[in-house]
Protein backbone atom coordinates (compact mmCIF):
# COMPACT_ATOMS: atom_id res chain seq x y z
CA MET A 1 -0.58 19.46 -0.37
CA ASN A 2 -0.26 20.01 -4.32
CA VAL A 3 3.02 18.50 -5.08
CA GLN A 4 3.44 19.38 -8.94
CA PRO A 5 4.79 16.23 -11.01
CA LEU A 6 7.77 16.82 -12.86
CA ASN A 7 7.83 15.98 -16.68
CA PHE A 8 10.89 14.32 -18.37
CA ASP A 9 10.52 16.07 -21.66
CA LEU A 10 10.24 19.48 -19.84
CA TRP A 11 13.18 18.79 -17.68
CA CYS A 12 15.06 17.56 -20.56
CA GLN A 13 14.47 20.56 -22.81
CA GLU A 14 14.22 23.32 -20.40
CA THR A 15 16.41 22.55 -17.62
CA GLU A 16 19.13 20.72 -19.21
CA HIS A 17 18.75 22.27 -22.49
CA LEU A 18 19.23 19.10 -24.49
CA PRO A 19 17.97 18.93 -28.22
CA PRO A 20 14.39 17.36 -28.58
CA GLU A 21 16.02 14.45 -30.73
CA ARG A 22 17.87 13.37 -27.50
CA CYS A 23 15.06 13.85 -25.21
CA ASP A 24 12.85 11.53 -27.42
CA LYS A 25 15.52 8.65 -26.98
CA ARG A 26 15.23 9.10 -23.25
CA LEU A 27 18.71 7.41 -22.65
CA PRO A 28 19.33 5.78 -19.48
CA GLN A 29 21.93 8.24 -18.05
CA ASP A 30 19.39 11.09 -18.92
CA ASP A 31 16.71 8.86 -17.22
CA GLU A 32 18.85 8.48 -14.11
CA ALA A 33 19.70 12.05 -14.06
CA PHE A 34 15.94 13.17 -14.30
CA ASN A 35 15.04 10.77 -11.19
CA ASN A 36 18.24 12.26 -9.24
CA TYR A 37 16.77 15.69 -9.95
CA ARG A 38 13.00 15.01 -9.10
CA ALA A 39 14.34 13.18 -5.70
CA LYS A 40 16.32 16.58 -4.82
CA VAL A 41 13.34 18.64 -5.67
CA GLU A 42 10.82 16.52 -3.59
CA LYS A 43 13.11 16.38 -0.85
CA TYR A 44 12.56 20.25 -0.46
CA GLU A 45 9.32 20.66 -1.88
CA VAL A 46 7.33 18.62 0.32
CA PRO A 47 8.52 20.07 3.66
CA TYR A 48 8.16 23.61 2.07
CA LEU A 49 4.73 22.78 1.03
CA LYS A 50 3.73 21.48 4.53
CA GLN A 51 5.25 24.53 6.21
CA LYS A 52 3.37 26.75 3.74
CA GLN A 53 0.35 25.02 4.75
CA ASP A 54 0.83 25.17 8.33
CA ALA A 55 1.56 28.85 8.04
CA ALA A 56 -1.74 29.73 6.25
CA THR A 57 -3.68 27.26 8.98
CA LEU A 58 -2.03 29.51 11.65
CA ASN A 59 -2.91 32.55 9.90
CA ARG A 60 -6.48 31.77 9.43
CA ALA A 61 -6.94 30.26 12.88
CA VAL A 62 -5.12 32.65 15.01
CA ILE A 63 -3.75 35.81 13.35
CA HIS A 64 -6.94 36.60 11.25
CA ALA A 65 -9.64 34.71 13.33
CA GLU A 66 -12.96 36.43 13.40
CA PRO A 67 -14.29 36.60 16.97
CA THR A 68 -17.72 36.27 15.55
CA GLN A 69 -17.06 32.83 14.16
CA ASN A 70 -16.64 31.42 17.51
CA PRO A 71 -18.83 33.41 20.06
CA ALA A 72 -18.57 30.84 22.66
CA ASN A 73 -14.82 31.41 23.12
CA ASN A 74 -15.16 35.29 22.55
CA SER A 75 -13.70 36.75 25.89
CA GLN A 76 -14.97 40.53 24.73
CA GLN A 77 -18.68 39.67 25.60
CA PRO A 78 -19.67 41.53 28.58
CA PRO A 79 -20.26 39.48 31.61
CA ALA A 80 -23.94 38.26 32.45
CA PRO A 81 -25.49 40.45 35.05
CA ASN A 82 -25.97 39.30 38.67
CA PRO A 83 -29.68 39.21 39.80
């Protein structure tokens, strides 16, 4: 899974729309708000990325499987003739 790290400065200026001078100070209440925000995002992002990864695996393995990739399990081959 590729969980993107959150950046305090980007969060402070782009999400909270605080002035850069205040973001540079990184006040305790801002830091606490950022950590709460990050925890909420990670709470939903990790299961979402896991579900997305599982769906991609299912898609590759079952839905779009190439029969020629695993010929031993290919039921489309004609049966061997009986001598």
